[in-house]
Amino acid sequence: MSEKPINDLSPVVIALALLIIGAEAVFQLANAGLVGGPRGVGWRMEAIGRFGFSPAVLERVLVQGDWSFDMLIRFVTYPFINVEIVQTAFCAALTLALGKFTTEYFGGLRVLAIYLVTAIAGALVYGSVIEGNAPLLGGFTPVYGLIGAYTYVLWLRLGEAGENQLRAFQLIGFLLALQLGFGLIFGAGYAWIAELSGFAAGFVLAIPLAPGGWAMLLHRLRQRS
């Protein structure tokens, strides 16, 4: 019997990946002059200005009290505005891969919640820590949120098997080491602050959203004591 198309990916995961890819496709077509005419070349910058996030956005919300839709929407739209096609490809691929695994365990709607909440959490921490107007763009922050949820599931399963649960953190350790290496070579930005915050938020959020919730966590901890 043949496998079903695209390995039964959740519609939620497919929609997230299509938003990431679709936005980049529009920017690439505009840069090539195929859509938008002369103005199309500046569409990416316009999108960053309208849908991107920066510390100035958080300041405007909290200090100036601007709780308008145009400000708040930026906390969840910035992951879909990537700065280049390579970043887009990595974000889309990781969203599909991690989304497939996490939806099998949590379900599509809970994975959507993890994706959006970790994007918000990363933006909040980034905006609180970073000074200036350096934008936070691209889907790596919620991708790290999915990695956090994935890590929690691995942590539980390794505990069930009686194995070393620290192995669950190998993926995030590898990614951070890789990111450090690229940062030393090409110059490190501050997006890692949002990404690491997204990972932590994803791990914590996975606890109540996982089957069994907090009761499952307490059960595992009692088994270890």
C-alpha atoms as a PDB file:
ATOM      1  CA  MET A   1       0.000   0.000   0.000  1.00  0.00           C
ATOM      2  CA  SER A   2       1.415   3.385  -0.979  1.00  0.00           C
ATOM      3  CA  GLU A   3       2.032   6.044   1.627  1.00  0.00           C
ATOM      4  CA  LYS A   4      -0.300   8.996   1.832  1.00  0.00           C
ATOM      5  CA  PRO A   5       0.887  12.336   0.382  1.00  0.00           C
ATOM      6  CA  ILE A   6       3.549  14.244   2.359  1.00  0.00           C
ATOM      7  CA  ASN A   7       3.456  11.703   5.156  1.00  0.00           C
ATOM      8  CA  ASP A   8       0.145  12.805   6.679  1.00  0.00           C
ATOM      9  CA  LEU A   9       1.434  16.200   7.742  1.00  0.00           C
ATOM     10  CA  SER A  10      -0.995  18.183   9.855  1.00  0.00           C
ATOM     11  CA  PRO A  11      -2.863  20.942   7.978  1.00  0.00           C
ATOM     12  CA  VAL A  12      -1.606  23.333  10.653  1.00  0.00           C
ATOM     13  CA  VAL A  13       2.028  22.511   9.885  1.00  0.00           C
ATOM     14  CA  ILE A  14       1.444  22.718   6.153  1.00  0.00           C
ATOM     15  CA  ALA A  15      -0.241  26.111   6.570  1.00  0.00           C
ATOM     16  CA  LEU A  16       2.679  27.464   8.626  1.00  0.00           C
ATOM     17  CA  ALA A  17       5.212  26.274   6.046  1.00  0.00           C
ATOM     18  CA  LEU A  18       3.149  27.706   3.182  1.00  0.00           C
ATOM     19  CA  LEU A  19       3.004  31.099   4.887  1.00  0.00           C
ATOM     20  CA  ILE A  20       6.787  31.089   5.271  1.00  0.00           C
ATOM     21  CA  ILE A  21       7.413  29.951   1.691  1.00  0.00           C
ATOM     22  CA  GLY A  22       4.615  32.048   0.184  1.00  0.00           C
ATOM     23  CA  ALA A  23       5.884  35.314   1.640  1.00  0.00           C
ATOM     24  CA  GLU A  24       9.397  34.639   0.350  1.00  0.00           C
ATOM     25  CA  ALA A  25       8.057  33.627  -3.070  1.00  0.00           C
ATOM     26  CA  VAL A  26       6.278  36.976  -3.375  1.00  0.00           C
ATOM     27  CA  PHE A  27       9.461  38.845  -2.426  1.00  0.00           C
ATOM     28  CA  GLN A  28      11.543  36.876  -4.937  1.00  0.00           C
ATOM     29  CA  LEU A  29       9.028  37.421  -7.745  1.00  0.00           C
ATOM     30  CA  ALA A  30       8.906  41.124  -6.901  1.00  0.00           C
ATOM     31  CA  ASN A  31      12.695  41.406  -6.942  1.00  0.00           C
ATOM     32  CA  ALA A  32      12.698  39.731 -10.360  1.00  0.00           C
ATOM     33  CA  GLY A  33      10.214  42.299 -11.623  1.00  0.00           C
ATOM     34  CA  LEU A  34       7.513  39.697 -12.268  1.00  0.00           C
ATOM     35  CA  VAL A  35       4.993  41.185  -9.834  1.00  0.00           C
ATOM     36  CA  GLY A  36       4.449  44.586  -8.291  1.00  0.00           C
ATOM     37  CA  GLY A  37       6.197  46.632 -10.942  1.00  0.00           C
ATOM     38  CA  PRO A  38       8.883  49.120  -9.816  1.00  0.00           C
ATOM     39  CA  ARG A  39       7.442  49.227  -6.286  1.00  0.00           C
ATOM     40  CA  GLY A  40       7.780  45.466  -5.902  1.00  0.00           C
ATOM     41  CA  VAL A  41      11.517  45.721  -5.258  1.00  0.00           C
ATOM     42  CA  GLY A  42      10.772  47.384  -1.924  1.00  0.00           C
ATOM     43  CA  TRP A  43       8.077  44.966  -0.789  1.00  0.00           C
ATOM     44  CA  ARG A  44      10.352  43.101   1.628  1.00  0.00           C
ATOM     45  CA  MET A  45      11.313  46.335   3.371  1.00  0.00           C
ATOM     46  CA  GLU A  46       7.668  47.405   3.464  1.00  0.00           C
ATOM     47  CA  ALA A  47       6.725  44.052   5.001  1.00  0.00           C
ATOM     48  CA  ILE A  48       9.461  44.438   7.624  1.00  0.00           C
ATOM     49  CA  GLY A  49       8.131  47.895   8.441  1.00  0.00           C
ATOM     50  CA  ARG A  50       4.517  46.706   8.743  1.00  0.00           C
ATOM     51  CA  PHE A  51       4.887  43.175  10.144  1.00  0.00           C
ATOM     52  CA  GLY A  52       8.392  42.949  11.622  1.00  0.00           C
ATOM     53  CA  PHE A  53       9.250  43.205  15.303  1.00  0.00           C
ATOM     54  CA  SER A  54      11.829  45.373  17.054  1.00  0.00           C
ATOM     55  CA  PRO A  55      12.426  46.631  20.610  1.00  0.00           C
ATOM     56  CA  ALA A  56      10.731  49.863  19.540  1.00  0.00           C
ATOM     57  CA  VAL A  57       7.490  47.932  19.060  1.00  0.00           C
ATOM     58  CA  LEU A  58       7.546  46.645  22.644  1.00  0.00           C
ATOM     59  CA  GLU A  59       8.368  50.124  23.935  1.00  0.00           C
ATOM     60  CA  ARG A  60       5.486  51.605  21.983  1.00  0.00           C
ATOM     61  CA  VAL A  61       3.083  49.020  23.406  1.00  0.00           C
ATOM     62  CA  LEU A  62       4.200  49.122  27.039  1.00  0.00           C
ATOM     63  CA  VAL A  63       5.416  52.701  27.444  1.00  0.00           C
ATOM     64  CA  GLN A  64       3.188  54.615  25.057  1.00  0.00           C
ATOM     65  CA  GLY A  65       0.207  52.345  25.580  1.00  0.00           C
ATOM     66  CA  ASP A  66      -0.320  51.641  21.884  1.00  0.00           C
ATOM     67  CA  TRP A  67      -2.284  48.383  22.016  1.00  0.00           C
ATOM     68  CA  SER A  68      -3.500  48.735  18.452  1.00  0.00           C
ATOM     69  CA  PHE A  69      -3.855  45.731  16.163  1.00  0.00           C
ATOM     70  CA  ASP A  70      -1.048  47.062  13.948  1.00  0.00           C
ATOM     71  CA  MET A  71       1.379  46.835  16.889  1.00  0.00           C
ATOM     72  CA  LEU A  72       0.206  43.587  18.486  1.00  0.00           C
ATOM     73  CA  ILE A  73       0.086  41.618  15.238  1.00  0.00           C
ATOM     74  CA  ARG A  74       3.853  42.056  14.867  1.00  0.00           C
ATOM     75  CA  PHE A  75       4.469  39.642  17.761  1.00  0.00           C
ATOM     76  CA  VAL A  76       3.181  36.768  15.594  1.00  0.00           C
ATOM     77  CA  THR A  77       3.872  37.952  12.039  1.00  0.00           C
ATOM     78  CA  TYR A  78       7.632  38.525  12.229  1.00  0.00           C
ATOM     79  CA  PRO A  79       8.399  34.760  11.889  1.00  0.00           C
ATOM     80  CA  PHE A  80       6.991  34.825   8.348  1.00  0.00           C
ATOM     81  CA  ILE A  81       9.218  37.701   7.172  1.00  0.00           C
ATOM     82  CA  ASN A  82      12.655  36.238   6.574  1.00  0.00           C
ATOM     83  CA  VAL A  83      15.647  38.282   5.471  1.00  0.00           C
ATOM     84  CA  GLU A  84      16.806  35.944   2.695  1.00  0.00           C
ATOM     85  CA  ILE A  85      15.855  32.811   0.805  1.00  0.00           C
ATOM     86  CA  VAL A  86      18.339  30.575   2.657  1.00  0.00           C
ATOM     87  CA  GLN A  87      16.817  31.481   6.021  1.00  0.00           C
ATOM     88  CA  THR A  88      13.384  30.840   4.536  1.00  0.00           C
ATOM     89  CA  ALA A  89      14.398  27.365   3.330  1.00  0.00           C
ATOM     90  CA  PHE A  90      15.797  26.352   6.721  1.00  0.00           C
ATOM     91  CA  CYS A  91      12.796  27.723   8.632  1.00  0.00           C
ATOM     92  CA  ALA A  92      10.289  26.005   6.349  1.00  0.00           C
ATOM     93  CA  ALA A  93      12.149  22.672   6.418  1.00  0.00           C
ATOM     94  CA  LEU A  94      12.548  22.676  10.197  1.00  0.00           C
ATOM     95  CA  THR A  95       8.919  23.711  10.700  1.00  0.00           C
ATOM     96  CA  LEU A  96       7.771  20.757   8.572  1.00  0.00           C
ATOM     97  CA  ALA A  97      10.119  18.253  10.224  1.00  0.00           C
ATOM     98  CA  LEU A  98       9.555  19.308  13.825  1.00  0.00           C
ATOM     99  CA  GLY A  99       5.891  20.013  13.178  1.00  0.00           C
ATOM    100  CA  LYS A 100       5.318  16.466  11.946  1.00  0.00           C
ATOM    101  CA  PHE A 101       6.779  14.936  15.094  1.00  0.00           C
ATOM    102  CA  THR A 102       5.177  17.320  17.563  1.00  0.00           C
ATOM    103  CA  THR A 103       1.696  17.131  16.023  1.00  0.00           C
ATOM    104  CA  GLU A 104       1.814  13.352  16.326  1.00  0.00           C
ATOM    105  CA  TYR A 105       2.238  13.818  20.069  1.00  0.00           C
ATOM    106  CA  PHE A 106       0.378  17.052  20.862  1.00  0.00           C
ATOM    107  CA  GLY A 107      -2.064  17.479  17.985  1.00  0.00           C
ATOM    108  CA  GLY A 108      -2.279  20.270  15.424  1.00  0.00           C
ATOM    109  CA  LEU A 109      -4.002  22.973  17.480  1.00  0.00           C
ATOM    110  CA  ARG A 110      -1.611  22.587  20.418  1.00  0.00           C
ATOM    111  CA  VAL A 111       1.372  22.776  18.094  1.00  0.00           C
ATOM    112  CA  LEU A 112      -0.078  25.977  16.629  1.00  0.00           C
ATOM    113  CA  ALA A 113      -0.371  27.318  20.175  1.00  0.00           C
ATOM    114  CA  ILE A 114       3.257  26.382  20.891  1.00  0.00           C
ATOM    115  CA  TYR A 115       4.396  28.053  17.666  1.00  0.00           C
ATOM    116  CA  LEU A 116       2.580  31.323  18.317  1.00  0.00           C
ATOM    117  CA  VAL A 117       3.188  31.551  22.083  1.00  0.00           C
ATOM    118  CA  THR A 118       6.913  30.864  21.736  1.00  0.00           C
ATOM    119  CA  ALA A 119       7.133  33.494  18.985  1.00  0.00           C
ATOM    120  CA  ILE A 120       5.519  35.980  21.380  1.00  0.00           C
ATOM    121  CA  ALA A 121       7.735  34.905  24.288  1.00  0.00           C
ATOM    122  CA  GLY A 122      10.889  35.277  22.205  1.00  0.00           C
ATOM    123  CA  ALA A 123       9.834  38.727  21.043  1.00  0.00           C
ATOM    124  CA  LEU A 124       9.046  39.844  24.583  1.00  0.00           C
ATOM    125  CA  VAL A 125      12.439  38.779  25.914  1.00  0.00           C
ATOM    126  CA  TYR A 126      14.265  40.182  22.886  1.00  0.00           C
ATOM    127  CA  GLY A 127      12.468  43.499  23.142  1.00  0.00           C
ATOM    128  CA  SER A 128      13.135  43.700  26.880  1.00  0.00           C
ATOM    129  CA  VAL A 129      16.857  42.944  26.666  1.00  0.00           C
ATOM    130  CA  ILE A 130      18.011  44.546  23.417  1.00  0.00           C
ATOM    131  CA  GLU A 131      18.470  48.285  23.128  1.00  0.00           C
ATOM    132  CA  GLY A 132      17.986  50.091  19.853  1.00  0.00           C
ATOM    133  CA  ASN A 133      15.894  49.124  16.864  1.00  0.00           C
ATOM    134  CA  ALA A 134      17.595  45.969  15.570  1.00  0.00           C
ATOM    135  CA  PRO A 135      14.710  43.977  14.055  1.00  0.00           C
ATOM    136  CA  LEU A 136      13.803  40.431  15.005  1.00  0.00           C
ATOM    137  CA  LEU A 137      12.826  38.603  11.819  1.00  0.00           C
ATOM    138  CA  GLY A 138      12.392  35.064  10.559  1.00  0.00           C
ATOM    139  CA  GLY A 139      10.961  31.805  11.815  1.00  0.00           C
ATOM    140  CA  PHE A 140      13.832  30.511  13.921  1.00  0.00           C
ATOM    141  CA  THR A 141      12.349  31.683  17.238  1.00  0.00           C
ATOM    142  CA  PRO A 142       9.161  29.546  17.008  1.00  0.00           C
ATOM    143  CA  VAL A 143      11.220  26.748  15.424  1.00  0.00           C
ATOM    144  CA  TYR A 144      13.270  26.722  18.628  1.00  0.00           C
ATOM    145  CA  GLY A 145       9.946  26.672  20.458  1.00  0.00           C
ATOM    146  CA  LEU A 146       9.058  23.459  18.619  1.00  0.00           C
ATOM    147  CA  ILE A 147      12.513  22.113  19.498  1.00  0.00           C
ATOM    148  CA  GLY A 148      11.720  22.851  23.154  1.00  0.00           C
ATOM    149  CA  ALA A 149       8.469  20.874  22.938  1.00  0.00           C
ATOM    150  CA  TYR A 150      10.276  18.089  21.059  1.00  0.00           C
ATOM    151  CA  THR A 151      12.952  18.020  23.762  1.00  0.00           C
ATOM    152  CA  TYR A 152      10.338  17.609  26.490  1.00  0.00           C
ATOM    153  CA  VAL A 153       8.827  14.624  24.686  1.00  0.00           C
ATOM    154  CA  LEU A 154      12.265  13.045  24.292  1.00  0.00           C
ATOM    155  CA  TRP A 155      12.977  13.731  27.963  1.00  0.00           C
ATOM    156  CA  LEU A 156       9.813  11.856  28.956  1.00  0.00           C
ATOM    157  CA  ARG A 157      10.467   8.929  26.645  1.00  0.00           C
ATOM    158  CA  LEU A 158      14.074   8.527  27.747  1.00  0.00           C
ATOM    159  CA  GLY A 159      12.823   8.491  31.336  1.00  0.00           C
ATOM    160  CA  GLU A 160      10.308   5.779  30.481  1.00  0.00           C
ATOM    161  CA  ALA A 161      13.101   3.710  28.935  1.00  0.00           C
ATOM    162  CA  GLY A 162      15.343   4.219  31.975  1.00  0.00           C
ATOM    163  CA  GLU A 163      17.980   6.007  29.902  1.00  0.00           C
ATOM    164  CA  ASN A 164      19.928   9.191  30.546  1.00  0.00           C
ATOM    165  CA  GLN A 165      17.399  12.002  30.072  1.00  0.00           C
ATOM    166  CA  LEU A 166      20.138  14.565  29.452  1.00  0.00           C
ATOM    167  CA  ARG A 167      20.412  13.056  25.966  1.00  0.00           C
ATOM    168  CA  ALA A 168      17.158  14.865  25.164  1.00  0.00           C
ATOM    169  CA  PHE A 169      19.097  18.137  25.126  1.00  0.00           C
ATOM    170  CA  GLN A 170      21.634  17.001  22.525  1.00  0.00           C
ATOM    171  CA  LEU A 171      19.774  18.663  19.652  1.00  0.00           C
ATOM    172  CA  ILE A 172      19.575  22.099  21.262  1.00  0.00           C
ATOM    173  CA  GLY A 173      23.199  21.784  22.380  1.00  0.00           C
ATOM    174  CA  PHE A 174      24.305  20.961  18.838  1.00  0.00           C
ATOM    175  CA  LEU A 175      22.314  23.854  17.352  1.00  0.00           C
ATOM    176  CA  LEU A 176      23.675  26.356  19.861  1.00  0.00           C
ATOM    177  CA  ALA A 177      27.245  25.176  19.224  1.00  0.00           C
ATOM    178  CA  LEU A 178      26.658  25.476  15.483  1.00  0.00           C
ATOM    179  CA  GLN A 179      25.193  28.940  15.930  1.00  0.00           C
ATOM    180  CA  LEU A 180      28.159  29.986  18.068  1.00  0.00           C
ATOM    181  CA  GLY A 181      30.530  28.813  15.352  1.00  0.00           C
ATOM    182  CA  PHE A 182      28.717  30.785  12.667  1.00  0.00           C
ATOM    183  CA  GLY A 183      28.610  33.788  14.978  1.00  0.00           C
ATOM    184  CA  LEU A 184      32.367  33.718  15.505  1.00  0.00           C
ATOM    185  CA  ILE A 185      32.965  33.477  11.757  1.00  0.00           C
ATOM    186  CA  PHE A 186      30.317  35.808  10.344  1.00  0.00           C
ATOM    187  CA  GLY A 187      29.488  37.983  13.336  1.00  0.00           C
ATOM    188  CA  ALA A 188      26.843  37.196  15.913  1.00  0.00           C
ATOM    189  CA  GLY A 189      23.616  39.122  16.152  1.00  0.00           C
ATOM    190  CA  TYR A 190      21.162  39.078  19.004  1.00  0.00           C
ATOM    191  CA  ALA A 191      18.472  36.817  17.552  1.00  0.00           C
ATOM    192  CA  TRP A 192      19.852  33.957  19.682  1.00  0.00           C
ATOM    193  CA  ILE A 193      18.297  35.655  22.717  1.00  0.00           C
ATOM    194  CA  ALA A 194      14.833  35.274  21.220  1.00  0.00           C
ATOM    195  CA  GLU A 195      15.580  31.759  19.971  1.00  0.00           C
ATOM    196  CA  LEU A 196      16.835  30.500  23.333  1.00  0.00           C
ATOM    197  CA  SER A 197      13.815  32.129  25.005  1.00  0.00           C
ATOM    198  CA  GLY A 198      11.586  30.395  22.459  1.00  0.00           C
ATOM    199  CA  PHE A 199      13.187  27.052  23.309  1.00  0.00           C
ATOM    200  CA  ALA A 200      12.633  27.558  27.048  1.00  0.00           C
ATOM    201  CA  ALA A 201       9.040  28.662  26.470  1.00  0.00           C
ATOM    202  CA  GLY A 202       8.398  25.649  24.243  1.00  0.00           C
ATOM    203  CA  PHE A 203       9.781  23.236  26.830  1.00  0.00           C
ATOM    204  CA  VAL A 204       7.703  24.751  29.651  1.00  0.00           C
ATOM    205  CA  LEU A 205       4.554  25.055  27.534  1.00  0.00           C
ATOM    206  CA  ALA A 206       4.844  21.417  26.488  1.00  0.00           C
ATOM    207  CA  ILE A 207       4.360  20.291  30.089  1.00  0.00           C
ATOM    208  CA  PRO A 208       0.673  21.243  30.466  1.00  0.00           C
ATOM    209  CA  LEU A 209      -0.099  20.563  26.782  1.00  0.00           C
ATOM    210  CA  ALA A 210       1.350  17.041  26.737  1.00  0.00           C
ATOM    211  CA  PRO A 211      -0.977  14.067  27.370  1.00  0.00           C
ATOM    212  CA  GLY A 212      -1.253  13.765  31.152  1.00  0.00           C
ATOM    213  CA  GLY A 213      -0.057  17.346  31.666  1.00  0.00           C
ATOM    214  CA  TRP A 214       1.466  18.231  35.019  1.00  0.00           C
ATOM    215  CA  ALA A 215       0.381  14.878  36.479  1.00  0.00           C
ATOM    216  CA  MET A 216       2.613  13.073  34.002  1.00  0.00           C
ATOM    217  CA  LEU A 217       5.591  15.264  34.928  1.00  0.00           C
ATOM    218  CA  LEU A 218       5.059  14.721  38.670  1.00  0.00           C
ATOM    219  CA  HIS A 219       4.728  10.980  38.082  1.00  0.00           C
ATOM    220  CA  ARG A 220       8.056  10.885  36.255  1.00  0.00           C
ATOM    221  CA  LEU A 221       9.767  12.947  38.923  1.00  0.00           C
ATOM    222  CA  ARG A 222       8.447  10.673  41.679  1.00  0.00           C
ATOM    223  CA  GLN A 223       9.794   7.649  39.798  1.00  0.00           C
ATOM    224  CA  ARG A 224      13.246   9.203  39.827  1.00  0.00           C
ATOM    225  CA  SER A 225      13.154  10.026  43.548  1.00  0.00           C
END
